[in-house]
Amino acid sequence: MKTKLPDTLILLLLILLVFTILTYLIPAGEFDRQVVNGRELVTPGSYHQTESNPAGFFEFILAPIQGFISSAQIIVFIFFVAGSFGIINKTGAIEAGLQSVVRLSRKRPKSKKFVIPVLMMLFSLAGATFGMSEEVLVFILITLPLSFALGYDSIVGVSIPFIGAGAGFAGAFLNPFTVGIAQGIAELAPFSGWEYRLVVWTVFTLAAIIFLMVYARKIEKKPEASPMYELDKKSKYKEGHNMTGSFTTRHKIVVAIFLLGLVLLIVGVNQWDWYINEISGLFFVLGIVSALVYRMPVNDTVDAFVSGAADMIKVTFVIAIAKGILIVASEGKIIDTILFYLSSAVEDYPRTVSVQLMFYMQSFLNFFLPSGSGQAALTMPIMSPLSDILGISRQTAVLAFQLGDGLSNLIIPTSGVTMGVLTIANIPYQKWFKWALPLMILFFILAMLVLLPPVIFFNWG
């Protein structure tokens, strides 16, 4: 008899319980902070133990609620984007467009093999340049039905934007939220050393594409080999792909408006410093304009918006509990203690080993603080002077940080984005972990390899 795996929400609550217990076991401590250029940074050498502040029963109960409050911005973003997608999907434009792509791939079978690499390349560029992260939640709603229509599964549908953007985020060469902030703290010229980072980005992007294409080819030949084979039969994103619908003029206009919106999103993020609020507003406008173009009745528009937003209710609970875990760890004052002992352990090894330990330390800390900018502010004030002592360039320390932060984001259950995309696709975390583990092993091996040349062969200033 097959044992049923616990639901994602149950898994997160168990992790929350573990972190609550850890606040009793790990000594409380903290670094002093100082504000530099408007950013709160850790003061190296200032760690000291403080009075213990363990989380009790009420803190455990209130953590998910505090998570909701702290994640209000991202939750509003999810509701508005999903609601707007509900309107766009109601027009049938996305479905009709996907059918056109699939029909084209059937007429010209060779064109199908370009879909995954081209899309993943684009998402990887987005991750490498403007730090695409939460925005992936938007595109999951498109790539899931596309994947099913092409004969793949939900794992391929999630991986195209999520793994694509994640590989780009980890190997970023222009990401202002990781490379930019970390280099600023390390007192390096903004986006300096981009030439070697471009090589790193290419390595990780190609590895992600090849891995997913090998898997997609396997699933295409033998669908039951997918770990999601049974669950995907019930997926709402698999419904309606009869490939007989026509791509009308109204559909084309709606799709054109949507694509124009994506261009505006890229420009807004890069040129006008748009973030979650502005992107939410953009998609809300796209939904309304799409309804007007399609001449959708007002009541139908409202119902479509509410229905689309309602589909994300479980996703918001997942994000809130994941955030609650981090709140318990932070208020229990155990994160700085973990950082202190990990950084101390790096000092007594050869450079080639120390740089690897720095990478694994950043990966481990990301479990507690899955925020690129937040982790940079916490760790780089310590890692920068430490790298000087070890004889490792600060550029290499930044690379160890961005790889440790970016790669582990793809699999840690404390990341709201990770758990959010899996919940949207109805992929149990355990199945994702098992599927992604070989890819993560490959990524970690590549990370260890790309960290060696700046230590052994050239001085990366």
Protein backbone atom coordinates (compact mmCIF):
# COMPACT_ATOMS: atom_id res chain seq x y z
CA MET A 1 0.00 0.00 0.00
CA LYS A 2 1.37 3.39 -1.01
CA THR A 3 1.81 5.92 1.80
CA LYS A 4 0.24 9.29 1.07
CA LEU A 5 2.70 12.15 1.37
CA PRO A 6 1.78 15.07 3.67
CA ASP A 7 0.33 18.17 2.10
CA THR A 8 2.65 21.13 1.52
CA LEU A 9 0.94 23.11 4.30
CA ILE A 10 1.48 20.26 6.78
CA LEU A 11 5.14 20.00 5.73
CA LEU A 12 5.68 23.71 6.32
CA LEU A 13 3.97 23.57 9.72
CA LEU A 14 6.31 20.74 10.70
CA ILE A 15 9.30 22.86 9.63
CA LEU A 16 7.87 25.75 11.65
CA LEU A 17 7.70 23.45 14.68
CA VAL A 18 11.35 22.41 14.18
CA PHE A 19 12.46 26.04 14.02
CA THR A 20 10.46 26.80 17.15
CA ILE A 21 12.35 24.03 18.96
CA LEU A 22 15.69 25.31 17.59
CA THR A 23 15.15 28.65 19.35
CA TYR A 24 15.56 26.67 22.61
CA LEU A 25 18.61 24.73 21.44
CA ILE A 26 20.72 27.36 19.60
CA PRO A 27 22.17 30.17 21.76
CA ALA A 28 20.71 33.59 21.02
CA GLY A 29 23.13 36.12 19.62
CA GLU A 30 23.44 39.03 17.25
CA PHE A 31 25.82 41.31 15.40
CA ASP A 32 25.69 45.06 15.78
CA ARG A 33 24.24 46.85 12.75
CA GLN A 34 25.17 50.10 11.10
CA VAL A 35 23.42 52.07 8.38
CA VAL A 36 25.60 52.65 5.30
CA ASN A 37 24.12 54.46 2.29
CA GLY A 38 20.63 53.81 3.60
CA ARG A 39 21.23 50.08 4.02
CA GLU A 40 21.49 48.29 7.37
CA LEU A 41 24.68 46.21 7.44
CA VAL A 42 26.29 43.83 9.92
CA THR A 43 29.38 45.14 11.73
CA PRO A 44 32.19 42.53 11.41
CA GLY A 45 33.62 41.28 14.71
CA SER A 46 30.66 42.58 16.73
CA TYR A 47 28.91 39.26 17.42
CA HIS A 48 27.81 38.80 21.01
CA GLN A 49 25.41 36.51 22.78
CA THR A 50 22.18 38.02 23.99
CA GLU A 51 19.36 37.07 26.28
CA SER A 52 17.53 34.02 24.96
CA ASN A 53 14.19 34.67 23.30
CA PRO A 54 12.73 31.23 22.53
CA ALA A 55 9.45 30.93 20.68
CA GLY A 56 6.63 29.57 22.79
CA PHE A 57 3.26 28.08 21.93
CA PHE A 58 1.65 31.42 21.11
CA GLU A 59 4.60 32.48 18.92
CA PHE A 60 4.21 29.20 17.04
CA ILE A 61 0.48 29.82 16.55
CA LEU A 62 0.90 33.48 15.58
CA ALA A 63 3.82 32.92 13.18
CA PRO A 64 1.63 32.16 10.10
CA ILE A 65 -0.53 35.21 10.89
CA GLN A 66 2.57 37.40 11.18
CA GLY A 67 3.70 35.79 7.93
CA PHE A 68 0.51 36.97 6.24
CA ILE A 69 1.05 40.50 7.52
CA SER A 70 4.72 40.58 6.49
CA SER A 71 3.91 39.08 3.08
CA ALA A 72 0.95 41.37 2.39
CA GLN A 73 2.64 42.97 -0.61
CA ILE A 74 3.47 39.70 -2.37
CA ILE A 75 0.03 38.27 -1.53
CA VAL A 76 -1.71 41.30 -3.04
CA PHE A 77 0.54 40.88 -6.06
CA ILE A 78 -0.50 37.25 -6.44
CA PHE A 79 -4.22 38.01 -6.12
CA PHE A 80 -4.14 40.87 -8.64
CA VAL A 81 -2.00 39.03 -11.18
CA ALA A 82 -4.02 35.80 -10.86
CA GLY A 83 -7.29 37.72 -11.07
CA SER A 84 -6.11 39.55 -14.17
CA PHE A 85 -5.02 36.26 -15.70
CA GLY A 86 -8.48 34.95 -14.92
CA ILE A 87 -9.91 37.68 -17.15
CA ILE A 88 -7.37 37.09 -19.92
CA ASN A 89 -7.95 33.33 -19.78
CA LYS A 90 -11.70 33.89 -19.95
CA THR A 91 -11.22 35.50 -23.36
CA GLY A 92 -9.67 32.23 -24.58
CA ALA A 93 -6.83 34.17 -26.23
CA ILE A 94 -3.98 32.40 -24.42
CA GLU A 95 -5.54 28.99 -25.08
CA ALA A 96 -6.07 29.77 -28.76
CA GLY A 97 -2.51 31.10 -29.04
CA LEU A 98 -1.09 27.95 -27.44
CA GLN A 99 -3.13 25.82 -29.82
CA SER A 100 -1.60 27.71 -32.73
CA VAL A 101 1.91 27.03 -31.40
CA VAL A 102 1.12 23.33 -30.95
CA ARG A 103 -0.46 23.04 -34.41
CA LEU A 104 2.65 24.65 -35.88
CA SER A 105 4.89 22.19 -34.02
CA ARG A 106 2.83 19.33 -35.42
CA LYS A 107 3.11 20.63 -38.96
CA ARG A 108 6.81 21.26 -38.48
CA PRO A 109 7.96 18.73 -35.84
CA LYS A 110 11.49 20.09 -35.84
CA SER A 111 10.27 23.43 -34.47
CA LYS A 112 9.03 21.79 -31.24
CA LYS A 113 12.54 21.12 -29.99
CA PHE A 114 13.29 24.85 -29.93
CA VAL A 115 10.43 25.78 -27.57
CA ILE A 116 12.14 24.75 -24.32
CA PRO A 117 15.64 26.17 -25.02
CA VAL A 118 14.36 29.47 -26.43
CA LEU A 119 11.95 30.10 -23.53
CA MET A 120 14.45 29.02 -20.87
CA MET A 121 17.11 31.27 -22.40
CA LEU A 122 14.72 34.23 -22.18
CA PHE A 123 13.79 33.47 -18.56
CA SER A 124 17.44 33.00 -17.67
CA LEU A 125 18.27 36.39 -19.15
CA ALA A 126 15.46 37.90 -17.09
CA GLY A 127 16.91 36.33 -13.94
CA ALA A 128 20.43 37.48 -14.79
CA THR A 129 19.57 41.08 -15.63
CA PHE A 130 16.64 42.30 -13.55
CA GLY A 131 16.47 39.51 -10.99
CA MET A 132 13.23 37.81 -12.01
CA SER A 133 11.93 35.94 -8.98
CA GLU A 134 8.36 36.55 -7.77
CA GLU A 135 7.42 37.40 -11.36
CA VAL A 136 7.82 33.69 -12.23
CA LEU A 137 4.43 33.13 -10.57
CA VAL A 138 2.90 35.05 -13.48
CA PHE A 139 4.40 32.89 -16.20
CA ILE A 140 3.62 29.55 -14.59
CA LEU A 141 0.01 30.17 -15.60
CA ILE A 142 1.13 30.22 -19.26
CA THR A 143 3.84 27.57 -19.39
CA LEU A 144 1.77 24.90 -17.60
CA PRO A 145 -0.91 24.65 -20.31
CA LEU A 146 1.79 25.03 -22.98
CA SER A 147 3.70 22.09 -21.55
CA PHE A 148 0.61 19.88 -21.48
CA ALA A 149 -0.32 20.90 -25.01
CA LEU A 150 3.14 19.91 -26.25
CA GLY A 151 2.84 16.47 -24.63
CA TYR A 152 4.95 17.11 -21.52
CA ASP A 153 4.02 17.29 -17.82
CA SER A 154 3.58 19.86 -15.06
CA ILE A 155 7.23 19.56 -14.03
CA VAL A 156 8.33 20.78 -17.46
CA GLY A 157 5.70 23.52 -17.29
CA VAL A 158 7.08 24.76 -13.96
CA SER A 159 10.74 24.27 -14.85
CA ILE A 160 10.73 26.38 -18.02
CA PRO A 161 10.26 29.68 -16.14
CA PHE A 162 11.30 28.64 -12.62
CA ILE A 163 14.51 26.71 -13.35
CA GLY A 164 15.24 29.03 -16.29
CA ALA A 165 15.01 32.21 -14.21
CA GLY A 166 16.69 30.47 -11.26
CA ALA A 167 19.74 29.46 -13.30
CA GLY A 168 20.01 33.04 -14.57
CA PHE A 169 19.52 34.47 -11.07
CA ALA A 170 22.32 32.28 -9.66
CA GLY A 171 24.75 33.02 -12.49
CA ALA A 172 23.68 36.64 -12.84
CA PHE A 173 26.00 39.23 -14.34
CA LEU A 174 23.77 42.34 -14.01
CA ASN A 175 21.26 41.46 -11.25
CA PRO A 176 20.94 44.61 -9.11
CA PHE A 177 19.33 42.73 -6.20
CA THR A 178 22.22 40.28 -5.68
CA VAL A 179 25.36 41.22 -7.61
CA GLY A 180 24.69 44.96 -7.38
CA ILE A 181 24.04 45.01 -3.62
CA ALA A 182 26.80 42.51 -2.75
CA GLN A 183 29.39 44.42 -4.80
CA GLY A 184 28.33 47.69 -3.20
CA ILE A 185 28.85 46.23 0.28
CA ALA A 186 32.18 44.69 -0.80
CA GLU A 187 33.27 48.12 -2.11
CA LEU A 188 33.60 46.89 -5.69
CA ALA A 189 32.66 48.85 -8.80
CA PRO A 190 29.02 48.18 -9.76
CA PHE A 191 28.74 45.09 -11.99
CA SER A 192 32.51 44.83 -12.36
CA GLY A 193 33.83 41.38 -13.26
CA TRP A 194 30.85 40.80 -15.53
CA GLU A 195 33.00 39.03 -18.14
CA TYR A 196 33.63 35.96 -15.98
CA ARG A 197 30.08 36.08 -14.61
CA LEU A 198 28.85 35.90 -18.21
CA VAL A 199 30.78 32.64 -18.57
CA VAL A 200 29.22 31.35 -15.33
CA TRP A 201 25.74 32.35 -16.54
CA THR A 202 26.29 30.49 -19.83
CA VAL A 203 27.41 27.33 -18.01
CA PHE A 204 24.38 27.21 -15.71
CA THR A 205 21.87 28.16 -18.40
CA LEU A 206 23.11 25.47 -20.77
CA ALA A 207 23.13 22.89 -17.96
CA ALA A 208 19.51 23.74 -17.07
CA ILE A 209 18.35 23.57 -20.70
CA ILE A 210 20.08 20.26 -21.43
CA PHE A 211 18.80 18.67 -18.20
CA LEU A 212 15.19 19.69 -18.89
CA MET A 213 15.29 18.72 -22.57
CA VAL A 214 16.58 15.23 -21.70
CA TYR A 215 13.74 14.85 -19.20
CA ALA A 216 11.12 16.25 -21.62
CA ARG A 217 12.23 13.84 -24.32
CA LYS A 218 11.92 10.96 -21.86
CA ILE A 219 8.38 12.02 -20.84
CA GLU A 220 7.35 12.50 -24.46
CA LYS A 221 8.32 8.90 -25.24
CA LYS A 222 6.97 7.43 -22.01
CA PRO A 223 4.44 9.71 -20.23
CA GLU A 224 3.95 7.32 -17.31
CA ALA A 225 7.62 7.86 -16.38
CA SER A 226 6.65 11.27 -15.03
CA PRO A 227 6.40 11.41 -11.23
CA MET A 228 3.32 13.59 -11.81
CA TYR A 229 1.64 11.19 -14.26
CA GLU A 230 -1.39 10.39 -12.08
CA LEU A 231 -1.78 13.83 -10.52
CA ASP A 232 -1.50 15.58 -13.88
CA LYS A 233 -4.60 13.73 -15.13
CA LYS A 234 -6.63 15.95 -12.78
CA SER A 235 -4.84 19.21 -13.58
CA LYS A 236 -7.12 22.02 -14.69
CA TYR A 237 -4.29 23.27 -16.93
CA LYS A 238 -4.58 20.09 -18.98
CA GLU A 239 -8.20 20.63 -19.89
CA GLY A 240 -9.44 21.87 -23.23
CA HIS A 241 -6.50 21.13 -25.50
CA ASN A 242 -8.50 19.77 -28.41
CA MET A 243 -6.49 21.94 -30.84
CA THR A 244 -9.59 22.77 -32.88
CA GLY A 245 -10.25 26.33 -31.72
CA SER A 246 -9.54 29.20 -34.06
CA PHE A 247 -7.19 32.08 -33.26
CA THR A 248 -9.53 34.98 -33.99
CA THR A 249 -8.66 38.64 -34.56
CA ARG A 250 -9.87 39.52 -31.06
CA HIS A 251 -7.68 36.77 -29.63
CA LYS A 252 -4.68 38.15 -31.51
CA ILE A 253 -5.32 41.66 -30.20
CA VAL A 254 -5.57 40.39 -26.61
CA VAL A 255 -2.31 38.44 -27.00
CA ALA A 256 -0.65 41.49 -28.57
CA ILE A 257 -1.77 43.62 -25.61
CA PHE A 258 -0.42 41.00 -23.22
CA LEU A 259 2.97 40.85 -24.99
CA LEU A 260 3.12 44.65 -25.03
CA GLY A 261 2.49 44.53 -21.29
CA LEU A 262 5.45 42.18 -20.81
CA VAL A 263 7.68 44.57 -22.74
CA LEU A 264 6.42 47.39 -20.52
CA LEU A 265 7.16 45.24 -17.47
CA ILE A 266 10.79 44.74 -18.54
CA VAL A 267 11.25 48.43 -19.28
CA GLY A 268 9.55 49.43 -16.04
CA VAL A 269 11.69 47.14 -13.89
CA ASN A 270 14.95 48.21 -15.55
CA GLN A 271 14.33 51.90 -16.25
CA TRP A 272 11.69 53.08 -13.76
CA ASP A 273 12.49 50.92 -10.72
CA TRP A 274 9.14 49.14 -10.81
CA TYR A 275 8.56 46.46 -8.24
CA ILE A 276 5.62 44.41 -7.00
CA ASN A 277 3.07 47.24 -6.62
CA GLU A 278 3.67 48.64 -10.09
CA ILE A 279 3.66 45.19 -11.69
CA SER A 280 0.36 44.39 -9.93
CA GLY A 281 -1.14 47.57 -11.34
CA LEU A 282 0.18 46.76 -14.80
CA PHE A 283 -1.49 43.35 -14.88
CA PHE A 284 -4.73 44.75 -13.48
CA VAL A 285 -4.82 47.23 -16.36
CA LEU A 286 -3.98 44.44 -18.84
CA GLY A 287 -6.92 42.42 -17.54
CA ILE A 288 -9.36 45.32 -17.83
CA VAL A 289 -8.16 46.33 -21.31
CA SER A 290 -8.37 42.70 -22.48
CA ALA A 291 -11.96 42.50 -21.27
CA LEU A 292 -12.84 45.73 -23.10
CA VAL A 293 -11.20 44.57 -26.34
CA TYR A 294 -12.94 41.21 -26.15
CA ARG A 295 -16.24 42.96 -25.27
CA MET A 296 -16.69 40.82 -22.20
CA PRO A 297 -19.76 41.69 -20.07
CA VAL A 298 -18.94 43.51 -16.83
CA ASN A 299 -20.35 40.78 -14.58
CA ASP A 300 -18.38 38.10 -16.44
CA THR A 301 -15.24 40.19 -16.06
CA VAL A 302 -15.71 40.50 -12.31
CA ASP A 303 -16.49 36.78 -11.94
CA ALA A 304 -13.38 35.86 -13.96
CA PHE A 305 -11.19 38.12 -11.82
CA VAL A 306 -12.55 36.73 -8.54
CA SER A 307 -12.28 33.15 -9.79
CA GLY A 308 -8.67 33.63 -10.87
CA ALA A 309 -7.74 35.20 -7.53
CA ALA A 310 -9.57 32.45 -5.59
CA ASP A 311 -7.36 29.80 -7.20
CA MET A 312 -4.40 31.34 -5.37
CA ILE A 313 -5.77 31.08 -1.82
CA LYS A 314 -3.71 28.01 -0.94
CA VAL A 315 -0.62 29.63 -2.49
CA THR A 316 -0.96 32.60 -0.14
CA PHE A 317 -1.17 30.32 2.90
CA VAL A 318 1.99 28.55 1.74
CA ILE A 319 3.84 31.87 1.39
CA ALA A 320 2.58 33.11 4.76
CA ILE A 321 3.73 30.01 6.67
CA ALA A 322 7.12 30.05 4.92
CA LYS A 323 7.52 33.67 6.01
CA GLY A 324 6.37 32.73 9.53
CA ILE A 325 9.25 30.25 9.78
CA LEU A 326 11.73 33.04 9.08
CA ILE A 327 10.03 35.32 11.62
CA VAL A 328 10.40 32.67 14.37
CA ALA A 329 14.11 32.21 13.53
CA SER A 330 14.71 35.96 13.43
CA GLU A 331 12.86 36.82 16.63
CA GLY A 332 14.50 33.83 18.34
CA LYS A 333 17.85 35.47 17.47
CA ILE A 334 19.42 32.30 16.09
CA ILE A 335 20.27 33.44 12.53
CA ASP A 336 23.25 35.62 13.55
CA THR A 337 24.55 32.84 15.80
CA ILE A 338 24.49 30.39 12.89
CA LEU A 339 26.28 32.95 10.67
CA PHE A 340 28.96 33.57 13.31
CA TYR A 341 29.88 29.92 13.78
CA LEU A 342 29.77 29.14 10.06
CA SER A 343 32.02 32.07 9.14
CA SER A 344 34.47 31.11 11.90
CA ALA A 345 34.70 27.58 10.51
CA VAL A 346 35.86 28.82 7.07
CA GLU A 347 39.13 30.40 8.25
CA ASP A 348 41.43 27.42 8.84
CA TYR A 349 41.55 25.83 5.38
CA PRO A 350 43.45 26.32 2.07
CA ARG A 351 41.95 28.88 -0.31
CA THR A 352 40.56 26.24 -2.67
CA VAL A 353 38.69 24.65 0.22
CA SER A 354 37.69 27.90 1.94
CA VAL A 355 35.97 29.26 -1.18
CA GLN A 356 33.90 26.06 -1.39
CA LEU A 357 32.98 26.36 2.28
CA MET A 358 31.90 29.96 1.70
CA PHE A 359 29.59 28.76 -1.07
CA TYR A 360 28.08 26.02 1.10
CA MET A 361 27.72 28.42 4.01
CA GLN A 362 25.73 30.83 1.84
CA SER A 363 23.59 27.91 0.61
CA PHE A 364 22.87 26.82 4.17
CA LEU A 365 22.03 30.34 5.35
CA ASN A 366 19.64 30.74 2.45
CA PHE A 367 17.39 28.17 4.13
CA PHE A 368 16.94 30.69 6.95
CA LEU A 369 16.95 33.84 4.83
CA PRO A 370 15.76 33.19 1.24
CA SER A 371 16.17 36.79 0.13
CA GLY A 372 19.04 37.78 -2.13
CA SER A 373 19.29 41.38 -0.96
CA GLY A 374 18.68 40.43 2.69
CA GLN A 375 21.33 37.73 2.65
CA ALA A 376 23.80 40.09 0.98
CA ALA A 377 23.26 42.68 3.70
CA LEU A 378 23.69 40.00 6.40
CA THR A 379 26.71 38.09 5.09
CA MET A 380 28.81 40.29 2.80
CA PRO A 381 30.03 42.68 5.55
CA ILE A 382 31.61 39.58 7.13
CA MET A 383 32.58 37.67 3.98
CA SER A 384 34.34 40.65 2.37
CA PRO A 385 37.02 41.21 5.05
CA LEU A 386 37.22 37.44 5.62
CA SER A 387 38.04 36.91 1.93
CA ASP A 388 40.89 39.44 2.27
CA ILE A 389 42.35 37.43 5.17
CA LEU A 390 42.00 34.18 3.21
CA GLY A 391 43.63 35.62 0.08
CA ILE A 392 40.44 35.23 -1.95
CA SER A 393 39.30 38.15 -4.10
CA ARG A 394 36.16 39.98 -3.08
CA GLN A 395 34.71 39.30 -6.55
CA THR A 396 35.01 35.59 -5.81
CA ALA A 397 33.32 36.09 -2.43
CA VAL A 398 30.44 37.81 -4.23
CA LEU A 399 30.23 34.90 -6.70
CA ALA A 400 30.14 32.39 -3.82
CA PHE A 401 27.29 34.41 -2.30
CA GLN A 402 25.21 34.67 -5.48
CA LEU A 403 25.61 30.97 -6.30
CA GLY A 404 24.80 29.90 -2.76
CA ASP A 405 21.76 32.16 -2.65
CA GLY A 406 20.46 31.52 -6.17
CA LEU A 407 20.86 27.75 -6.57
CA SER A 408 19.39 26.71 -3.23
CA ASN A 409 16.35 28.90 -3.92
CA LEU A 410 15.19 26.24 -6.38
CA ILE A 411 14.65 23.60 -3.72
CA ILE A 412 14.36 25.03 -0.20
CA PRO A 413 10.87 24.78 1.38
CA THR A 414 11.26 28.11 3.20
CA SER A 415 11.15 30.04 -0.10
CA GLY A 416 7.68 31.44 -0.69
CA VAL A 417 8.29 31.57 -4.45
CA THR A 418 9.39 27.93 -4.60
CA MET A 419 6.43 26.66 -2.60
CA GLY A 420 4.12 29.04 -4.45
CA VAL A 421 4.95 27.76 -7.94
CA LEU A 422 4.68 24.15 -6.76
CA THR A 423 1.29 24.83 -5.20
CA ILE A 424 -0.01 26.48 -8.37
CA ALA A 425 1.03 23.40 -10.37
CA ASN A 426 -0.20 21.01 -7.65
CA ILE A 427 3.26 19.41 -7.43
CA PRO A 428 3.93 17.94 -3.94
CA TYR A 429 7.18 19.26 -2.51
CA GLN A 430 8.52 15.75 -1.96
CA LYS A 431 8.08 14.88 -5.65
CA TRP A 432 9.76 18.11 -6.70
CA PHE A 433 12.67 17.52 -4.32
CA LYS A 434 13.23 14.01 -5.64
CA TRP A 435 13.02 15.18 -9.27
CA ALA A 436 15.20 18.26 -8.77
CA LEU A 437 17.87 16.58 -6.63
CA PRO A 438 19.99 15.31 -9.59
CA LEU A 439 19.82 18.79 -11.14
CA MET A 440 20.86 20.38 -7.83
CA ILE A 441 23.79 17.97 -7.52
CA LEU A 442 24.85 18.95 -11.05
CA PHE A 443 24.46 22.66 -10.24
CA PHE A 444 26.47 22.35 -7.02
CA ILE A 445 29.29 20.51 -8.79
CA LEU A 446 29.36 23.22 -11.47
CA ALA A 447 29.35 25.91 -8.78
CA MET A 448 32.36 24.34 -7.09
CA LEU A 449 34.18 24.16 -10.43
CA VAL A 450 33.50 27.76 -11.51
CA LEU A 451 34.71 29.04 -8.12
CA LEU A 452 38.16 27.51 -8.62
CA PRO A 453 39.60 29.47 -11.61
CA PRO A 454 39.50 32.88 -9.82
CA VAL A 455 41.35 31.28 -6.89
CA ILE A 456 43.90 29.23 -8.84
CA PHE A 457 44.46 30.78 -12.27
CA PHE A 458 43.81 34.53 -12.16
CA ASN A 459 43.40 37.42 -9.76
CA TRP A 460 39.79 38.51 -10.18
CA GLY A 461 39.70 42.09 -9.00
